[in-house]
Amino acid sequence: MQELAATQRGGGGVGEKDIAQKILEAHNDVFSDIVNVLLFKGKKVLSADELEDQSPNAFYKADGKLRELERDVAKRWKKANIRVACIGLENQTRADADMPLRVMGYDGAEYRAQLLADNEAKSRYPVVTLVLYYGYRSPWNQPTSLKERLDIPPEFDAYVNDYKINLFEVAYLTREQVNQFQSDFRIVADYFVQMRENGDYVPDAKQIQHVQETMQLLSVMTQDNRFEEAYHSTMEGGPQNMCEVLDRIEKKGRAEGRAEGRAEGRAEGEMKGKRETAINLRNMGMDDEFIAKAVNVDVALVKQWLAPVS
């Protein structure tokens, strides 16, 4: 199959989206690839083996209760066993006006953790958050900085510190940027860019390394469960590239179409038999109500069938 139209079937909730994104982006090769392309224009600044997992959860007290903040994905970048930075990814399928406040909360929680940590060297490292927006039908149209979100009296404006988010609109990346990705994220980015540009998707034969995770992400982000169904299909072996994935989707669609055709044919034959029975019963003098009960259809349909006979 060469193309996939922008149909949307089924779909998962927000929780499923978060899970799918976390699974794919949690792979160090994917995480480092995203950061290297989006922050460093494809230059290999981060290596996958320099990343270590960090708990995405942070806790704070409010109203006397312990509350929790949870990032989508967070990793620490280490060189020579020294922490250089904390990097977080936040995924959005819709534009969120409060995103600057959310990012500020995530980053602030990490800085507070450094402040409270038992660290004799008293070393401090930066926290960087990337917001990945997957919408392809319209660009991000909400604030990208704290000041944009706040209603600030003019007298206070000079004294309010701003906080900007690092927003990257996946569907609006350039072709050059998409081609810089080396991991499976290139497939994801290519899909959303094509859908934005053409309303359709033509795959290439690039090998997929994390097949299940990539299919899960595409499935929940597009609300089209055919991607994940293609991975879990009973055909021998798993798909290795998007061409094979879409071939499976096409074959499954043809098989479903044939099954639907057979079912429709059986239903049509059954209704034809009922109509013939209804005509025979009328010829025997039975009334419409009796006939309707006998063939298990509405009286109105019986009247429609028998109108030429009466």
C-alpha atoms as a PDB file:
ATOM      1  CA  MET A   1       0.000   0.000   0.000  1.00  0.00           C
ATOM      2  CA  GLN A   2       1.413   3.408  -0.933  1.00  0.00           C
ATOM      3  CA  GLU A   3      -0.824   5.907   0.848  1.00  0.00           C
ATOM      4  CA  LEU A   4      -2.804   6.249   4.065  1.00  0.00           C
ATOM      5  CA  ALA A   5      -5.575   8.803   4.165  1.00  0.00           C
ATOM      6  CA  ALA A   6      -6.313  10.916   7.217  1.00  0.00           C
ATOM      7  CA  THR A   7      -9.056   8.673   8.553  1.00  0.00           C
ATOM      8  CA  GLN A   8      -9.341   8.397  12.300  1.00  0.00           C
ATOM      9  CA  ARG A   9     -10.757   5.350  13.998  1.00  0.00           C
ATOM     10  CA  GLY A  10     -11.171   4.405  17.603  1.00  0.00           C
ATOM     11  CA  GLY A  11      -8.604   6.110  19.734  1.00  0.00           C
ATOM     12  CA  GLY A  12      -7.185   6.269  23.201  1.00  0.00           C
ATOM     13  CA  GLY A  13      -7.560   8.761  25.998  1.00  0.00           C
ATOM     14  CA  VAL A  14      -5.009  11.193  27.322  1.00  0.00           C
ATOM     15  CA  GLY A  15      -3.526   8.541  29.617  1.00  0.00           C
ATOM     16  CA  GLU A  16      -2.900   6.208  26.685  1.00  0.00           C
ATOM     17  CA  LYS A  17      -1.201   9.038  24.779  1.00  0.00           C
ATOM     18  CA  ASP A  18       1.123   9.741  27.690  1.00  0.00           C
ATOM     19  CA  ILE A  19       1.990   6.057  28.061  1.00  0.00           C
ATOM     20  CA  ALA A  20       2.720   5.584  24.358  1.00  0.00           C
ATOM     21  CA  GLN A  21       4.877   8.711  24.155  1.00  0.00           C
ATOM     22  CA  LYS A  22       6.775   7.764  27.296  1.00  0.00           C
ATOM     23  CA  ILE A  23       7.537   4.276  26.015  1.00  0.00           C
ATOM     24  CA  LEU A  24       9.041   5.469  22.717  1.00  0.00           C
ATOM     25  CA  GLU A  25      10.803   8.563  24.016  1.00  0.00           C
ATOM     26  CA  ALA A  26      12.185   6.712  27.049  1.00  0.00           C
ATOM     27  CA  HIS A  27      14.584   4.849  24.748  1.00  0.00           C
ATOM     28  CA  ASN A  28      17.911   6.669  25.019  1.00  0.00           C
ATOM     29  CA  ASP A  29      18.564   6.553  21.276  1.00  0.00           C
ATOM     30  CA  VAL A  30      15.220   8.257  20.590  1.00  0.00           C
ATOM     31  CA  PHE A  31      15.561  10.756  23.446  1.00  0.00           C
ATOM     32  CA  SER A  32      19.075  11.855  22.485  1.00  0.00           C
ATOM     33  CA  ASP A  33      18.080  12.055  18.823  1.00  0.00           C
ATOM     34  CA  ILE A  34      15.160  14.387  19.592  1.00  0.00           C
ATOM     35  CA  VAL A  35      17.365  16.677  21.671  1.00  0.00           C
ATOM     36  CA  ASN A  36      20.250  16.712  19.184  1.00  0.00           C
ATOM     37  CA  VAL A  37      18.025  17.642  16.245  1.00  0.00           C
ATOM     38  CA  LEU A  38      15.728  20.138  17.931  1.00  0.00           C
ATOM     39  CA  LEU A  39      18.289  21.905  20.123  1.00  0.00           C
ATOM     40  CA  PHE A  40      21.564  21.410  18.256  1.00  0.00           C
ATOM     41  CA  LYS A  41      20.468  21.227  14.590  1.00  0.00           C
ATOM     42  CA  GLY A  42      21.477  17.586  14.224  1.00  0.00           C
ATOM     43  CA  LYS A  43      24.914  17.878  15.825  1.00  0.00           C
ATOM     44  CA  LYS A  44      25.594  14.900  18.101  1.00  0.00           C
ATOM     45  CA  VAL A  45      26.008  16.688  21.416  1.00  0.00           C
ATOM     46  CA  LEU A  46      24.231  14.056  23.525  1.00  0.00           C
ATOM     47  CA  SER A  47      25.076  10.365  23.266  1.00  0.00           C
ATOM     48  CA  ALA A  48      22.579   7.706  24.231  1.00  0.00           C
ATOM     49  CA  ASP A  49      25.052   6.138  26.662  1.00  0.00           C
ATOM     50  CA  GLU A  50      25.447   9.461  28.527  1.00  0.00           C
ATOM     51  CA  LEU A  51      21.813   9.515  29.602  1.00  0.00           C
ATOM     52  CA  GLU A  52      20.385   8.072  32.779  1.00  0.00           C
ATOM     53  CA  ASP A  53      16.743   7.722  33.695  1.00  0.00           C
ATOM     54  CA  GLN A  54      15.331  10.152  36.174  1.00  0.00           C
ATOM     55  CA  SER A  55      12.080   9.770  38.030  1.00  0.00           C
ATOM     56  CA  PRO A  56       9.484  11.970  36.317  1.00  0.00           C
ATOM     57  CA  ASN A  57       7.759  12.504  39.666  1.00  0.00           C
ATOM     58  CA  ALA A  58       8.280  15.434  41.992  1.00  0.00           C
ATOM     59  CA  PHE A  59       6.437  16.193  45.224  1.00  0.00           C
ATOM     60  CA  TYR A  60       5.426  19.426  46.926  1.00  0.00           C
ATOM     61  CA  LYS A  61       3.219  20.541  49.803  1.00  0.00           C
ATOM     62  CA  ALA A  62       0.059  22.563  49.235  1.00  0.00           C
ATOM     63  CA  ASP A  63      -2.749  23.172  51.698  1.00  0.00           C
ATOM     64  CA  GLY A  64      -0.931  20.918  54.138  1.00  0.00           C
ATOM     65  CA  LYS A  65      -1.070  17.972  51.731  1.00  0.00           C
ATOM     66  CA  LEU A  66       1.666  16.232  49.761  1.00  0.00           C
ATOM     67  CA  ARG A  67       1.007  16.627  46.047  1.00  0.00           C
ATOM     68  CA  GLU A  68       2.720  15.233  42.974  1.00  0.00           C
ATOM     69  CA  LEU A  69       3.990  16.643  39.680  1.00  0.00           C
ATOM     70  CA  GLU A  70       4.708  14.177  36.896  1.00  0.00           C
ATOM     71  CA  ARG A  71       6.696  14.894  33.770  1.00  0.00           C
ATOM     72  CA  ASP A  72       6.238  12.846  30.603  1.00  0.00           C
ATOM     73  CA  VAL A  73       9.911  11.852  30.262  1.00  0.00           C
ATOM     74  CA  ALA A  74      12.986  13.099  32.135  1.00  0.00           C
ATOM     75  CA  LYS A  75      16.648  12.126  31.909  1.00  0.00           C
ATOM     76  CA  ARG A  76      19.925  13.337  33.339  1.00  0.00           C
ATOM     77  CA  TRP A  77      22.870  13.985  31.059  1.00  0.00           C
ATOM     78  CA  LYS A  78      26.154  12.884  32.595  1.00  0.00           C
ATOM     79  CA  LYS A  79      29.737  13.241  31.421  1.00  0.00           C
ATOM     80  CA  ALA A  80      32.620  11.610  33.294  1.00  0.00           C
ATOM     81  CA  ASN A  81      30.106  10.708  36.011  1.00  0.00           C
ATOM     82  CA  ILE A  82      29.235  14.391  36.521  1.00  0.00           C
ATOM     83  CA  ARG A  83      25.692  15.605  36.001  1.00  0.00           C
ATOM     84  CA  VAL A  84      25.623  18.211  33.250  1.00  0.00           C
ATOM     85  CA  ALA A  85      21.896  18.836  32.856  1.00  0.00           C
ATOM     86  CA  CYS A  86      18.400  17.538  33.426  1.00  0.00           C
ATOM     87  CA  ILE A  87      16.312  17.343  30.265  1.00  0.00           C
ATOM     88  CA  GLY A  88      12.576  16.793  30.128  1.00  0.00           C
ATOM     89  CA  LEU A  89      10.107  16.164  27.317  1.00  0.00           C
ATOM     90  CA  GLU A  90       6.462  17.212  27.498  1.00  0.00           C
ATOM     91  CA  ASN A  91       4.031  16.015  24.832  1.00  0.00           C
ATOM     92  CA  GLN A  92       0.966  17.940  23.724  1.00  0.00           C
ATOM     93  CA  THR A  93      -1.777  17.009  21.264  1.00  0.00           C
ATOM     94  CA  ARG A  94      -3.561  20.312  21.788  1.00  0.00           C
ATOM     95  CA  ALA A  95      -2.407  23.839  22.554  1.00  0.00           C
ATOM     96  CA  ASP A  96      -2.545  24.520  26.301  1.00  0.00           C
ATOM     97  CA  ALA A  97      -2.692  28.115  27.520  1.00  0.00           C
ATOM     98  CA  ASP A  98      -1.188  27.115  30.874  1.00  0.00           C
ATOM     99  CA  MET A  99       1.843  25.331  29.422  1.00  0.00           C
ATOM    100  CA  PRO A 100       4.289  28.054  30.563  1.00  0.00           C
ATOM    101  CA  LEU A 101       3.069  27.616  34.144  1.00  0.00           C
ATOM    102  CA  ARG A 102       3.275  23.826  33.890  1.00  0.00           C
ATOM    103  CA  VAL A 103       6.831  23.865  32.555  1.00  0.00           C
ATOM    104  CA  MET A 104       7.842  26.397  35.166  1.00  0.00           C
ATOM    105  CA  GLY A 105       6.443  24.036  37.827  1.00  0.00           C
ATOM    106  CA  TYR A 106       8.336  21.022  36.445  1.00  0.00           C
ATOM    107  CA  ASP A 107      11.613  22.915  36.164  1.00  0.00           C
ATOM    108  CA  GLY A 108      11.196  24.570  39.548  1.00  0.00           C
ATOM    109  CA  ALA A 109      10.606  21.198  41.211  1.00  0.00           C
ATOM    110  CA  GLU A 110      13.898  19.902  39.793  1.00  0.00           C
ATOM    111  CA  TYR A 111      15.813  22.983  40.967  1.00  0.00           C
ATOM    112  CA  ARG A 112      14.280  22.589  44.400  1.00  0.00           C
ATOM    113  CA  ALA A 113      15.401  18.952  44.455  1.00  0.00           C
ATOM    114  CA  GLN A 114      18.962  20.117  43.765  1.00  0.00           C
ATOM    115  CA  LEU A 115      18.668  22.662  46.572  1.00  0.00           C
ATOM    116  CA  LEU A 116      17.545  20.026  49.059  1.00  0.00           C
ATOM    117  CA  ALA A 117      19.909  17.277  47.917  1.00  0.00           C
ATOM    118  CA  ASP A 118      22.790  16.162  50.115  1.00  0.00           C
ATOM    119  CA  ASN A 119      25.472  17.395  47.752  1.00  0.00           C
ATOM    120  CA  GLU A 120      28.811  18.317  49.318  1.00  0.00           C
ATOM    121  CA  ALA A 121      30.077  19.860  46.091  1.00  0.00           C
ATOM    122  CA  LYS A 122      27.021  22.109  45.986  1.00  0.00           C
ATOM    123  CA  SER A 123      27.042  21.728  42.223  1.00  0.00           C
ATOM    124  CA  ARG A 124      24.036  22.992  40.311  1.00  0.00           C
ATOM    125  CA  TYR A 125      23.071  22.065  36.777  1.00  0.00           C
ATOM    126  CA  PRO A 126      20.503  23.475  34.336  1.00  0.00           C
ATOM    127  CA  VAL A 127      17.062  22.081  33.669  1.00  0.00           C
ATOM    128  CA  VAL A 128      15.802  22.187  30.082  1.00  0.00           C
ATOM    129  CA  THR A 129      12.301  21.205  28.976  1.00  0.00           C
ATOM    130  CA  LEU A 130      11.194  20.609  25.387  1.00  0.00           C
ATOM    131  CA  VAL A 131       7.485  20.808  24.606  1.00  0.00           C
ATOM    132  CA  LEU A 132       6.563  18.661  21.589  1.00  0.00           C
ATOM    133  CA  TYR A 133       3.276  19.643  19.943  1.00  0.00           C
ATOM    134  CA  TYR A 134       1.791  16.986  17.642  1.00  0.00           C
ATOM    135  CA  GLY A 135      -1.192  18.897  16.265  1.00  0.00           C
ATOM    136  CA  TYR A 136      -1.160  19.037  12.465  1.00  0.00           C
ATOM    137  CA  ARG A 137      -4.514  20.639  11.664  1.00  0.00           C
ATOM    138  CA  SER A 138      -3.531  24.018  13.132  1.00  0.00           C
ATOM    139  CA  PRO A 139      -0.389  25.591  14.635  1.00  0.00           C
ATOM    140  CA  TRP A 140       0.066  26.280  18.342  1.00  0.00           C
ATOM    141  CA  ASN A 141      -2.077  29.314  19.163  1.00  0.00           C
ATOM    142  CA  GLN A 142      -1.587  29.688  22.912  1.00  0.00           C
ATOM    143  CA  PRO A 143       0.970  31.563  25.078  1.00  0.00           C
ATOM    144  CA  THR A 144       4.593  30.447  24.925  1.00  0.00           C
ATOM    145  CA  SER A 145       5.773  32.564  27.847  1.00  0.00           C
ATOM    146  CA  LEU A 146       4.641  33.332  31.370  1.00  0.00           C
ATOM    147  CA  LYS A 147       4.064  37.027  30.671  1.00  0.00           C
ATOM    148  CA  GLU A 148       1.796  36.201  27.755  1.00  0.00           C
ATOM    149  CA  ARG A 149      -0.377  34.122  30.086  1.00  0.00           C
ATOM    150  CA  LEU A 150      -0.592  36.568  32.999  1.00  0.00           C
ATOM    151  CA  ASP A 151      -2.754  39.656  33.346  1.00  0.00           C
ATOM    152  CA  ILE A 152      -0.055  42.026  34.548  1.00  0.00           C
ATOM    153  CA  PRO A 153      -0.831  45.580  35.705  1.00  0.00           C
ATOM    154  CA  PRO A 154       1.385  47.981  33.725  1.00  0.00           C
ATOM    155  CA  GLU A 155       3.020  49.212  36.923  1.00  0.00           C
ATOM    156  CA  PHE A 156       4.321  45.678  37.687  1.00  0.00           C
ATOM    157  CA  ASP A 157       5.411  44.618  34.218  1.00  0.00           C
ATOM    158  CA  ALA A 158       9.065  45.603  34.613  1.00  0.00           C
ATOM    159  CA  TYR A 159       9.318  43.553  37.814  1.00  0.00           C
ATOM    160  CA  VAL A 160       7.715  40.317  36.674  1.00  0.00           C
ATOM    161  CA  ASN A 161      10.247  37.739  35.509  1.00  0.00           C
ATOM    162  CA  ASP A 162       9.324  36.002  32.289  1.00  0.00           C
ATOM    163  CA  TYR A 163       9.608  32.262  31.620  1.00  0.00           C
ATOM    164  CA  LYS A 164       9.536  30.993  28.061  1.00  0.00           C
ATOM    165  CA  ILE A 165       8.864  27.443  26.904  1.00  0.00           C
ATOM    166  CA  ASN A 166      10.926  25.638  24.284  1.00  0.00           C
ATOM    167  CA  LEU A 167       8.084  24.748  21.926  1.00  0.00           C
ATOM    168  CA  PHE A 168       8.611  22.501  18.894  1.00  0.00           C
ATOM    169  CA  GLU A 169       5.698  21.894  16.535  1.00  0.00           C
ATOM    170  CA  VAL A 170       6.439  18.438  15.129  1.00  0.00           C
ATOM    171  CA  ALA A 171       4.088  18.733  12.138  1.00  0.00           C
ATOM    172  CA  TYR A 172       5.665  22.072  11.165  1.00  0.00           C
ATOM    173  CA  LEU A 173       9.288  20.941  11.097  1.00  0.00           C
ATOM    174  CA  THR A 174      11.126  21.465   7.818  1.00  0.00           C
ATOM    175  CA  ARG A 175      12.026  18.550   5.590  1.00  0.00           C
ATOM    176  CA  GLU A 176      15.687  19.204   6.434  1.00  0.00           C
ATOM    177  CA  GLN A 177      14.925  18.856  10.149  1.00  0.00           C
ATOM    178  CA  VAL A 178      12.959  15.633   9.635  1.00  0.00           C
ATOM    179  CA  ASN A 179      15.825  14.113   7.673  1.00  0.00           C
ATOM    180  CA  GLN A 180      18.261  14.911  10.489  1.00  0.00           C
ATOM    181  CA  PHE A 181      16.554  12.438  12.831  1.00  0.00           C
ATOM    182  CA  GLN A 182      18.376   9.106  12.969  1.00  0.00           C
ATOM    183  CA  SER A 183      16.043   7.221  15.304  1.00  0.00           C
ATOM    184  CA  ASP A 184      12.450   6.027  14.935  1.00  0.00           C
ATOM    185  CA  PHE A 185      11.326   9.562  15.731  1.00  0.00           C
ATOM    186  CA  ARG A 186      12.074  10.392  12.106  1.00  0.00           C
ATOM    187  CA  ILE A 187       9.154   8.134  11.115  1.00  0.00           C
ATOM    188  CA  VAL A 188       6.866   9.867  13.612  1.00  0.00           C
ATOM    189  CA  ALA A 189       7.904  13.363  12.511  1.00  0.00           C
ATOM    190  CA  ASP A 190       7.634  12.441   8.831  1.00  0.00           C
ATOM    191  CA  TYR A 191       4.104  11.142   9.351  1.00  0.00           C
ATOM    192  CA  PHE A 192       2.836  14.336  10.990  1.00  0.00           C
ATOM    193  CA  VAL A 193       4.598  16.622   8.510  1.00  0.00           C
ATOM    194  CA  GLN A 194       3.056  14.749   5.566  1.00  0.00           C
ATOM    195  CA  MET A 195      -0.380  14.807   7.153  1.00  0.00           C
ATOM    196  CA  ARG A 196      -0.088  18.571   7.635  1.00  0.00           C
ATOM    197  CA  GLU A 197       1.206  19.192   4.118  1.00  0.00           C
ATOM    198  CA  ASN A 198      -0.871  16.720   2.113  1.00  0.00           C
ATOM    199  CA  GLY A 199      -3.590  15.298   4.355  1.00  0.00           C
ATOM    200  CA  ASP A 200      -2.152  11.897   3.465  1.00  0.00           C
ATOM    201  CA  TYR A 201       0.898   9.754   4.161  1.00  0.00           C
ATOM    202  CA  VAL A 202       3.275   7.999   1.761  1.00  0.00           C
ATOM    203  CA  PRO A 203       5.736   5.766   3.668  1.00  0.00           C
ATOM    204  CA  ASP A 204       9.366   4.990   2.976  1.00  0.00           C
ATOM    205  CA  ALA A 205      11.296   1.796   3.642  1.00  0.00           C
ATOM    206  CA  LYS A 206      13.347   3.067   6.618  1.00  0.00           C
ATOM    207  CA  GLN A 207      13.885   0.247   9.104  1.00  0.00           C
ATOM    208  CA  ILE A 208      12.010   0.620  12.398  1.00  0.00           C
ATOM    209  CA  GLN A 209      14.041  -0.234  15.500  1.00  0.00           C
ATOM    210  CA  HIS A 210      11.322  -0.002  18.149  1.00  0.00           C
ATOM    211  CA  VAL A 211       8.387  -1.314  16.149  1.00  0.00           C
ATOM    212  CA  GLN A 212       5.788  -1.816  18.858  1.00  0.00           C
ATOM    213  CA  GLU A 213       6.497   1.507  20.588  1.00  0.00           C
ATOM    214  CA  THR A 214       6.374   3.426  17.311  1.00  0.00           C
ATOM    215  CA  MET A 215       3.090   1.797  16.301  1.00  0.00           C
ATOM    216  CA  GLN A 216       1.589   2.495  19.719  1.00  0.00           C
ATOM    217  CA  LEU A 217       2.560   6.152  19.495  1.00  0.00           C
ATOM    218  CA  LEU A 218       1.129   6.586  15.998  1.00  0.00           C
ATOM    219  CA  SER A 219      -2.009   4.705  16.975  1.00  0.00           C
ATOM    220  CA  VAL A 220      -2.923   6.841  19.967  1.00  0.00           C
ATOM    221  CA  MET A 221      -1.697  10.150  18.587  1.00  0.00           C
ATOM    222  CA  THR A 222      -3.746   9.778  15.409  1.00  0.00           C
ATOM    223  CA  GLN A 223      -6.655   7.971  17.119  1.00  0.00           C
ATOM    224  CA  ASP A 224      -6.263   5.324  14.424  1.00  0.00           C
ATOM    225  CA  ASN A 225      -5.887   1.896  16.015  1.00  0.00           C
ATOM    226  CA  ARG A 226      -4.986   0.276  12.685  1.00  0.00           C
ATOM    227  CA  PHE A 227      -1.295   1.009  13.346  1.00  0.00           C
ATOM    228  CA  GLU A 228      -1.236  -1.075  16.513  1.00  0.00           C
ATOM    229  CA  GLU A 229      -3.468  -3.717  14.921  1.00  0.00           C
ATOM    230  CA  ALA A 230      -0.911  -4.050  12.117  1.00  0.00           C
ATOM    231  CA  TYR A 231       1.786  -4.830  14.687  1.00  0.00           C
ATOM    232  CA  HIS A 232      -0.397  -7.375  16.477  1.00  0.00           C
ATOM    233  CA  SER A 233      -1.710  -8.992  13.293  1.00  0.00           C
ATOM    234  CA  THR A 234      -1.416 -12.777  13.023  1.00  0.00           C
ATOM    235  CA  MET A 235       0.664 -12.597   9.852  1.00  0.00           C
ATOM    236  CA  GLU A 236       4.061 -14.299  10.177  1.00  0.00           C
ATOM    237  CA  GLY A 237       6.797 -12.013  11.502  1.00  0.00           C
ATOM    238  CA  GLY A 238       6.499  -8.384  12.547  1.00  0.00           C
ATOM    239  CA  PRO A 239       6.525  -5.374  10.221  1.00  0.00           C
ATOM    240  CA  GLN A 240       9.978  -3.896   9.716  1.00  0.00           C
ATOM    241  CA  ASN A 241       9.111  -0.583   8.050  1.00  0.00           C
ATOM    242  CA  MET A 242       6.123   1.642   7.355  1.00  0.00           C
ATOM    243  CA  CYS A 243       5.613   0.168   3.878  1.00  0.00           C
ATOM    244  CA  GLU A 244       4.996  -3.237   5.482  1.00  0.00           C
ATOM    245  CA  VAL A 245       2.786  -1.676   8.152  1.00  0.00           C
ATOM    246  CA  LEU A 246       0.530  -0.039   5.591  1.00  0.00           C
ATOM    247  CA  ASP A 247       0.475  -3.202   3.472  1.00  0.00           C
ATOM    248  CA  ARG A 248      -0.920  -5.037   6.479  1.00  0.00           C
ATOM    249  CA  ILE A 249      -3.476  -2.309   7.068  1.00  0.00           C
ATOM    250  CA  GLU A 250      -4.566  -2.541   3.420  1.00  0.00           C
ATOM    251  CA  LYS A 251      -4.800  -6.355   3.460  1.00  0.00           C
ATOM    252  CA  LYS A 252      -6.772  -6.294   6.689  1.00  0.00           C
ATOM    253  CA  GLY A 253      -9.117  -3.705   5.177  1.00  0.00           C
ATOM    254  CA  ARG A 254      -9.682  -5.863   2.088  1.00  0.00           C
ATOM    255  CA  ALA A 255     -10.382  -8.919   4.255  1.00  0.00           C
ATOM    256  CA  GLU A 256     -12.844  -6.941   6.375  1.00  0.00           C
ATOM    257  CA  GLY A 257     -14.493  -5.642   3.205  1.00  0.00           C
ATOM    258  CA  ARG A 258     -14.958  -9.181   1.859  1.00  0.00           C
ATOM    259  CA  ALA A 259     -16.404 -10.316   5.189  1.00  0.00           C
ATOM    260  CA  GLU A 260     -18.778  -7.357   5.254  1.00  0.00           C
ATOM    261  CA  GLY A 261     -19.825  -8.145   1.681  1.00  0.00           C
ATOM    262  CA  ARG A 262     -20.616 -11.739   2.572  1.00  0.00           C
ATOM    263  CA  ALA A 263     -22.576 -10.620   5.628  1.00  0.00           C
ATOM    264  CA  GLU A 264     -24.516  -8.093   3.554  1.00  0.00           C
ATOM    265  CA  GLY A 265     -25.249 -10.789   0.965  1.00  0.00           C
ATOM    266  CA  ARG A 266     -26.612 -13.124   3.626  1.00  0.00           C
ATOM    267  CA  ALA A 267     -28.755 -10.360   5.094  1.00  0.00           C
ATOM    268  CA  GLU A 268     -30.091  -9.449   1.644  1.00  0.00           C
ATOM    269  CA  GLY A 269     -30.960 -13.084   0.945  1.00  0.00           C
ATOM    270  CA  GLU A 270     -32.717 -13.408   4.293  1.00  0.00           C
ATOM    271  CA  MET A 271     -34.846 -10.313   3.630  1.00  0.00           C
ATOM    272  CA  LYS A 272     -35.739 -11.603   0.166  1.00  0.00           C
ATOM    273  CA  GLY A 273     -36.961 -14.875   1.699  1.00  0.00           C
ATOM    274  CA  LYS A 274     -39.045 -13.006   4.253  1.00  0.00           C
ATOM    275  CA  ARG A 275     -40.652 -10.913   1.513  1.00  0.00           C
ATOM    276  CA  GLU A 276     -41.581 -14.021  -0.457  1.00  0.00           C
ATOM    277  CA  THR A 277     -43.042 -15.583   2.683  1.00  0.00           C
ATOM    278  CA  ALA A 278     -45.043 -12.417   3.341  1.00  0.00           C
ATOM    279  CA  ILE A 279     -46.514 -12.506  -0.183  1.00  0.00           C
ATOM    280  CA  ASN A 280     -47.460 -16.175   0.222  1.00  0.00           C
ATOM    281  CA  LEU A 281     -49.155 -15.470   3.547  1.00  0.00           C
ATOM    282  CA  ARG A 282     -51.122 -12.591   2.005  1.00  0.00           C
ATOM    283  CA  ASN A 283     -52.248 -14.873  -0.795  1.00  0.00           C
ATOM    284  CA  MET A 284     -53.508 -17.214   1.940  1.00  0.00           C
ATOM    285  CA  GLY A 285     -55.583 -14.324   3.351  1.00  0.00           C
ATOM    286  CA  MET A 286     -53.488 -13.348   6.366  1.00  0.00           C
ATOM    287  CA  ASP A 287     -53.558  -9.715   7.558  1.00  0.00           C
ATOM    288  CA  ASP A 288     -50.533  -7.405   7.843  1.00  0.00           C
ATOM    289  CA  GLU A 289     -50.123  -7.711  11.625  1.00  0.00           C
ATOM    290  CA  PHE A 290     -50.061 -11.520  11.487  1.00  0.00           C
ATOM    291  CA  ILE A 291     -47.571 -11.498   8.620  1.00  0.00           C
ATOM    292  CA  ALA A 292     -45.271  -9.018  10.408  1.00  0.00           C
ATOM    293  CA  LYS A 293     -45.135 -11.261  13.462  1.00  0.00           C
ATOM    294  CA  ALA A 294     -44.617 -14.367  11.340  1.00  0.00           C
ATOM    295  CA  VAL A 295     -41.571 -12.995   9.483  1.00  0.00           C
ATOM    296  CA  ASN A 296     -40.344 -10.811  12.393  1.00  0.00           C
ATOM    297  CA  VAL A 297     -40.347  -7.401  10.682  1.00  0.00           C
ATOM    298  CA  ASP A 298     -42.233  -4.126  11.175  1.00  0.00           C
ATOM    299  CA  VAL A 299     -45.810  -3.827   9.889  1.00  0.00           C
ATOM    300  CA  ALA A 300     -44.752  -0.792   7.837  1.00  0.00           C
ATOM    301  CA  LEU A 301     -42.235  -2.910   5.935  1.00  0.00           C
ATOM    302  CA  VAL A 302     -44.867  -5.602   5.317  1.00  0.00           C
ATOM    303  CA  LYS A 303     -47.214  -2.945   3.876  1.00  0.00           C
ATOM    304  CA  GLN A 304     -44.387  -1.714   1.634  1.00  0.00           C
ATOM    305  CA  TRP A 305     -43.700  -5.262   0.363  1.00  0.00           C
ATOM    306  CA  LEU A 306     -47.366  -6.049  -0.270  1.00  0.00           C
ATOM    307  CA  ALA A 307     -48.411  -2.765  -1.862  1.00  0.00           C
ATOM    308  CA  PRO A 308     -47.966  -4.153  -5.430  1.00  0.00           C
ATOM    309  CA  VAL A 309     -49.879  -7.311  -4.414  1.00  0.00           C
ATOM    310  CA  SER A 310     -52.946  -5.594  -2.928  1.00  0.00           C
END
